[in-house]
Amino acid sequence: MRVNCLYCGESIADDIDHCPHCGAPSHYQKRGFRIGGREKFLIFFVVLSAATLIIALLLPR
């Protein structure tokens, strides 16, 4: 599988340690890049924001 380098944007293989174009470390291999991580973060952020708003509205004035 091929992915884009996060630093230079060139297409690289997902099983190499460094980008052959710019020498940057490949985060896809070292960190175990997960599909759907952005969506999970967005859901967490929305739920946390809603909970904060509800608690703020329920506090005595």
PDB file of N, CA and C in Angstrom:
ATOM      1  N   MET A   1       0.842  -1.173   0.000  1.00  0.00           N
ATOM      2  CA  MET A   1       0.000   0.000   0.000  1.00  0.00           C
ATOM      3  C   MET A   1       0.890   1.240   0.000  1.00  0.00           C
ATOM      4  N   ARG A   2       0.433   2.261  -0.675  1.00  0.00           N
ATOM      5  CA  ARG A   2       1.200   3.494  -0.749  1.00  0.00           C
ATOM      6  C   ARG A   2       0.453   4.596  -0.014  1.00  0.00           C
ATOM      7  N   VAL A   3       1.206   5.443   0.663  1.00  0.00           N
ATOM      8  CA  VAL A   3       0.651   6.580   1.393  1.00  0.00           C
ATOM      9  C   VAL A   3       1.453   7.817   1.016  1.00  0.00           C
ATOM     10  N   ASN A   4       0.956   8.971   1.368  1.00  0.00           N
ATOM     11  CA  ASN A   4       1.680  10.215   1.115  1.00  0.00           C
ATOM     12  C   ASN A   4       2.502  10.589   2.338  1.00  0.00           C
ATOM     13  N   CYS A   5       3.709  11.052   2.101  1.00  0.00           N
ATOM     14  CA  CYS A   5       4.573  11.533   3.179  1.00  0.00           C
ATOM     15  C   CYS A   5       3.913  12.747   3.823  1.00  0.00           C
ATOM     16  N   LEU A   6       3.934  12.803   5.153  1.00  0.00           N
ATOM     17  CA  LEU A   6       3.314  13.922   5.861  1.00  0.00           C
ATOM     18  C   LEU A   6       4.086  15.225   5.685  1.00  0.00           C
ATOM     19  N   TYR A   7       5.360  15.143   5.313  1.00  0.00           N
ATOM     20  CA  TYR A   7       6.189  16.337   5.214  1.00  0.00           C
ATOM     21  C   TYR A   7       6.306  16.877   3.793  1.00  0.00           C
ATOM     22  N   CYS A   8       6.595  15.990   2.830  1.00  0.00           N
ATOM     23  CA  CYS A   8       6.794  16.483   1.459  1.00  0.00           C
ATOM     24  C   CYS A   8       5.632  16.148   0.533  1.00  0.00           C
ATOM     25  N   GLY A   9       4.752  15.223   0.941  1.00  0.00           N
ATOM     26  CA  GLY A   9       3.582  14.893   0.141  1.00  0.00           C
ATOM     27  C   GLY A   9       3.807  13.875  -0.959  1.00  0.00           C
ATOM     28  N   GLU A  10       5.033  13.384  -1.101  1.00  0.00           N
ATOM     29  CA  GLU A  10       5.321  12.386  -2.134  1.00  0.00           C
ATOM     30  C   GLU A  10       4.741  11.029  -1.738  1.00  0.00           C
ATOM     31  N   SER A  11       4.414  10.220  -2.725  1.00  0.00           N
ATOM     32  CA  SER A  11       3.872   8.887  -2.482  1.00  0.00           C
ATOM     33  C   SER A  11       5.000   7.943  -2.081  1.00  0.00           C
ATOM     34  N   ILE A  12       4.831   7.259  -0.931  1.00  0.00           N
ATOM     35  CA  ILE A  12       5.839   6.317  -0.435  1.00  0.00           C
ATOM     36  C   ILE A  12       5.152   5.021  -0.013  1.00  0.00           C
ATOM     37  N   ALA A  13       5.931   3.957   0.103  1.00  0.00           N
ATOM     38  CA  ALA A  13       5.401   2.686   0.601  1.00  0.00           C
ATOM     39  C   ALA A  13       5.149   2.812   2.101  1.00  0.00           C
ATOM     40  N   ASP A  14       4.146   2.100   2.604  1.00  0.00           N
ATOM     41  CA  ASP A  14       3.815   2.235   4.022  1.00  0.00           C
ATOM     42  C   ASP A  14       4.676   1.360   4.931  1.00  0.00           C
ATOM     43  N   ASP A  15       5.609   0.598   4.372  1.00  0.00           N
ATOM     44  CA  ASP A  15       6.425  -0.290   5.196  1.00  0.00           C
ATOM     45  C   ASP A  15       7.884   0.147   5.295  1.00  0.00           C
ATOM     46  N   ILE A  16       8.171   1.407   5.015  1.00  0.00           N
ATOM     47  CA  ILE A  16       9.545   1.903   5.121  1.00  0.00           C
ATOM     48  C   ILE A  16       9.662   2.836   6.319  1.00  0.00           C
ATOM     49  N   ASP A  17      10.893   2.984   6.823  1.00  0.00           N
ATOM     50  CA  ASP A  17      11.129   3.810   8.007  1.00  0.00           C
ATOM     51  C   ASP A  17      11.187   5.303   7.707  1.00  0.00           C
ATOM     52  N   HIS A  18      11.771   5.662   6.566  1.00  0.00           N
ATOM     53  CA  HIS A  18      11.965   7.071   6.225  1.00  0.00           C
ATOM     54  C   HIS A  18      11.550   7.327   4.785  1.00  0.00           C
ATOM     55  N   CYS A  19      11.128   8.540   4.510  1.00  0.00           N
ATOM     56  CA  CYS A  19      10.773   8.946   3.151  1.00  0.00           C
ATOM     57  C   CYS A  19      12.055   9.042   2.321  1.00  0.00           C
ATOM     58  N   PRO A  20      12.110   8.384   1.169  1.00  0.00           N
ATOM     59  CA  PRO A  20      13.316   8.469   0.343  1.00  0.00           C
ATOM     60  C   PRO A  20      13.480   9.836  -0.321  1.00  0.00           C
ATOM     61  N   HIS A  21      12.440  10.638  -0.356  1.00  0.00           N
ATOM     62  CA  HIS A  21      12.499  11.950  -1.004  1.00  0.00           C
ATOM     63  C   HIS A  21      13.027  13.033  -0.068  1.00  0.00           C
ATOM     64  N   CYS A  22      12.531  13.056   1.189  1.00  0.00           N
ATOM     65  CA  CYS A  22      12.936  14.132   2.100  1.00  0.00           C
ATOM     66  C   CYS A  22      13.628  13.623   3.364  1.00  0.00           C
ATOM     67  N   GLY A  23      13.605  12.305   3.603  1.00  0.00           N
ATOM     68  CA  GLY A  23      14.282  11.738   4.768  1.00  0.00           C
ATOM     69  C   GLY A  23      13.484  11.788   6.057  1.00  0.00           C
ATOM     70  N   ALA A  24      12.247  12.245   6.011  1.00  0.00           N
ATOM     71  CA  ALA A  24      11.413  12.338   7.210  1.00  0.00           C
ATOM     72  C   ALA A  24      10.989  10.944   7.671  1.00  0.00           C
ATOM     73  N   PRO A  25      10.821  10.756   8.991  1.00  0.00           N
ATOM     74  CA  PRO A  25      10.368   9.446   9.476  1.00  0.00           C
ATOM     75  C   PRO A  25       8.946   9.163   9.015  1.00  0.00           C
ATOM     76  N   SER A  26       8.680   7.902   8.719  1.00  0.00           N
ATOM     77  CA  SER A  26       7.348   7.501   8.286  1.00  0.00           C
ATOM     78  C   SER A  26       6.500   7.204   9.514  1.00  0.00           C
ATOM     79  N   HIS A  27       5.543   8.067   9.809  1.00  0.00           N
ATOM     80  CA  HIS A  27       4.694   7.908  10.989  1.00  0.00           C
ATOM     81  C   HIS A  27       3.669   6.799  10.809  1.00  0.00           C
ATOM     82  N   TYR A  28       3.417   6.397   9.598  1.00  0.00           N
ATOM     83  CA  TYR A  28       2.433   5.348   9.355  1.00  0.00           C
ATOM     84  C   TYR A  28       2.907   4.023   9.918  1.00  0.00           C
ATOM     85  N   GLN A  29       4.187   3.746   9.811  1.00  0.00           N
ATOM     86  CA  GLN A  29       4.708   2.482  10.299  1.00  0.00           C
ATOM     87  C   GLN A  29       5.003   2.549  11.796  1.00  0.00           C
ATOM     88  N   LYS A  30       5.650   3.591  12.258  1.00  0.00           N
ATOM     89  CA  LYS A  30       6.094   3.657  13.641  1.00  0.00           C
ATOM     90  C   LYS A  30       4.948   3.807  14.631  1.00  0.00           C
ATOM     91  N   ARG A  31       3.909   4.532  14.275  1.00  0.00           N
ATOM     92  CA  ARG A  31       2.815   4.774  15.201  1.00  0.00           C
ATOM     93  C   ARG A  31       1.596   3.907  14.934  1.00  0.00           C
ATOM     94  N   GLY A  32       1.625   3.124  13.901  1.00  0.00           N
ATOM     95  CA  GLY A  32       0.472   2.298  13.598  1.00  0.00           C
ATOM     96  C   GLY A  32      -0.734   3.146  13.227  1.00  0.00           C
ATOM     97  N   PHE A  33      -0.607   3.955  12.211  1.00  0.00           N
ATOM     98  CA  PHE A  33      -1.662   4.860  11.759  1.00  0.00           C
ATOM     99  C   PHE A  33      -2.999   4.135  11.683  1.00  0.00           C
ATOM    100  N   ARG A  34      -4.012   4.699  12.338  1.00  0.00           N
ATOM    101  CA  ARG A  34      -5.324   4.063  12.377  1.00  0.00           C
ATOM    102  C   ARG A  34      -6.321   4.831  11.526  1.00  0.00           C
ATOM    103  N   ILE A  35      -7.039   4.101  10.720  1.00  0.00           N
ATOM    104  CA  ILE A  35      -8.103   4.694   9.931  1.00  0.00           C
ATOM    105  C   ILE A  35      -9.259   5.013  10.870  1.00  0.00           C
ATOM    106  N   GLY A  36      -9.843   6.176  10.735  1.00  0.00           N
ATOM    107  CA  GLY A  36     -10.993   6.539  11.555  1.00  0.00           C
ATOM    108  C   GLY A  36     -10.630   7.276  12.827  1.00  0.00           C
ATOM    109  N   GLY A  37      -9.378   7.530  13.068  1.00  0.00           N
ATOM    110  CA  GLY A  37      -8.971   8.235  14.279  1.00  0.00           C
ATOM    111  C   GLY A  37      -9.499   9.656  14.331  1.00  0.00           C
ATOM    112  N   ARG A  38      -9.559  10.315  13.197  1.00  0.00           N
ATOM    113  CA  ARG A  38     -10.055  11.690  13.144  1.00  0.00           C
ATOM    114  C   ARG A  38     -11.538  11.746  13.502  1.00  0.00           C
ATOM    115  N   GLU A  39     -12.318  10.780  13.012  1.00  0.00           N
ATOM    116  CA  GLU A  39     -13.750  10.758  13.302  1.00  0.00           C
ATOM    117  C   GLU A  39     -14.002  10.498  14.785  1.00  0.00           C
ATOM    118  N   LYS A  40     -13.228   9.597  15.384  1.00  0.00           N
ATOM    119  CA  LYS A  40     -13.377   9.317  16.813  1.00  0.00           C
ATOM    120  C   LYS A  40     -13.048  10.552  17.639  1.00  0.00           C
ATOM    121  N   PHE A  41     -12.009  11.275  17.253  1.00  0.00           N
ATOM    122  CA  PHE A  41     -11.653  12.494  17.968  1.00  0.00           C
ATOM    123  C   PHE A  41     -12.758  13.530  17.847  1.00  0.00           C
ATOM    124  N   LEU A  42     -13.339  13.670  16.667  1.00  0.00           N
ATOM    125  CA  LEU A  42     -14.410  14.639  16.464  1.00  0.00           C
ATOM    126  C   LEU A  42     -15.621  14.302  17.329  1.00  0.00           C
ATOM    127  N   ILE A  43     -15.993  13.034  17.383  1.00  0.00           N
ATOM    128  CA  ILE A  43     -17.121  12.622  18.225  1.00  0.00           C
ATOM    129  C   ILE A  43     -16.817  12.902  19.691  1.00  0.00           C
ATOM    130  N   PHE A  44     -15.614  12.580  20.146  1.00  0.00           N
ATOM    131  CA  PHE A  44     -15.216  12.852  21.524  1.00  0.00           C
ATOM    132  C   PHE A  44     -15.287  14.341  21.829  1.00  0.00           C
ATOM    133  N   PHE A  45     -14.799  15.169  20.919  1.00  0.00           N
ATOM    134  CA  PHE A  45     -14.799  16.612  21.126  1.00  0.00           C
ATOM    135  C   PHE A  45     -16.219  17.164  21.218  1.00  0.00           C
ATOM    136  N   VAL A  46     -17.114  16.699  20.357  1.00  0.00           N
ATOM    137  CA  VAL A  46     -18.502  17.166  20.373  1.00  0.00           C
ATOM    138  C   VAL A  46     -19.187  16.752  21.673  1.00  0.00           C
ATOM    139  N   VAL A  47     -18.992  15.509  22.102  1.00  0.00           N
ATOM    140  CA  VAL A  47     -19.604  15.034  23.350  1.00  0.00           C
ATOM    141  C   VAL A  47     -19.053  15.809  24.539  1.00  0.00           C
ATOM    142  N   LEU A  48     -17.758  16.035  24.581  1.00  0.00           N
ATOM    143  CA  LEU A  48     -17.152  16.794  25.672  1.00  0.00           C
ATOM    144  C   LEU A  48     -17.660  18.232  25.692  1.00  0.00           C
ATOM    145  N   SER A  49     -17.780  18.856  24.540  1.00  0.00           N
ATOM    146  CA  SER A  49     -18.297  20.225  24.462  1.00  0.00           C
ATOM    147  C   SER A  49     -19.744  20.292  24.935  1.00  0.00           C
ATOM    148  N   ALA A  50     -20.567  19.324  24.522  1.00  0.00           N
ATOM    149  CA  ALA A  50     -21.968  19.304  24.937  1.00  0.00           C
ATOM    150  C   ALA A  50     -22.076  19.106  26.443  1.00  0.00           C
ATOM    151  N   ALA A  51     -21.277  18.213  27.008  1.00  0.00           N
ATOM    152  CA  ALA A  51     -21.308  17.982  28.451  1.00  0.00           C
ATOM    153  C   ALA A  51     -20.878  19.231  29.207  1.00  0.00           C
ATOM    154  N   THR A  52     -19.865  19.913  28.725  1.00  0.00           N
ATOM    155  CA  THR A  52     -19.410  21.149  29.360  1.00  0.00           C
ATOM    156  C   THR A  52     -20.493  22.216  29.319  1.00  0.00           C
ATOM    157  N   LEU A  53     -21.169  22.349  28.201  1.00  0.00           N
ATOM    158  CA  LEU A  53     -22.241  23.331  28.072  1.00  0.00           C
ATOM    159  C   LEU A  53     -23.396  23.010  29.011  1.00  0.00           C
ATOM    160  N   ILE A  54     -23.775  21.751  29.100  1.00  0.00           N
ATOM    161  CA  ILE A  54     -24.874  21.355  29.989  1.00  0.00           C
ATOM    162  C   ILE A  54     -24.519  21.631  31.442  1.00  0.00           C
ATOM    163  N   ILE A  55     -23.317  21.284  31.850  1.00  0.00           N
ATOM    164  CA  ILE A  55     -22.888  21.535  33.227  1.00  0.00           C
ATOM    165  C   ILE A  55     -22.848  23.027  33.508  1.00  0.00           C
ATOM    166  N   ALA A  56     -22.371  23.824  32.564  1.00  0.00           N
ATOM    167  CA  ALA A  56     -22.309  25.277  32.756  1.00  0.00           C
ATOM    168  C   ALA A  56     -23.705  25.872  32.902  1.00  0.00           C
ATOM    169  N   LEU A  57     -24.670  25.354  32.171  1.00  0.00           N
ATOM    170  CA  LEU A  57     -26.038  25.869  32.264  1.00  0.00           C
ATOM    171  C   LEU A  57     -26.729  25.438  33.550  1.00  0.00           C
ATOM    172  N   LEU A  58     -26.326  24.325  34.133  1.00  0.00           N
ATOM    173  CA  LEU A  58     -26.958  23.825  35.350  1.00  0.00           C
ATOM    174  C   LEU A  58     -26.337  24.378  36.626  1.00  0.00           C
ATOM    175  N   LEU A  59     -25.220  25.061  36.530  1.00  0.00           N
ATOM    176  CA  LEU A  59     -24.595  25.638  37.719  1.00  0.00           C
ATOM    177  C   LEU A  59     -25.473  26.751  38.284  1.00  0.00           C
ATOM    178  N   PRO A  60     -25.512  26.873  39.620  1.00  0.00           N
ATOM    179  CA  PRO A  60     -26.309  27.966  40.204  1.00  0.00           C
ATOM    180  C   PRO A  60     -25.685  29.317  39.875  1.00  0.00           C
ATOM    181  N   ARG A  61     -26.540  30.293  39.742  1.00  0.00           N
ATOM    182  CA  ARG A  61     -26.050  31.636  39.375  1.00  0.00           C
ATOM    183  C   ARG A  61     -26.023  32.552  40.547  1.00  0.00           C
TER     184      ARG A  61
END
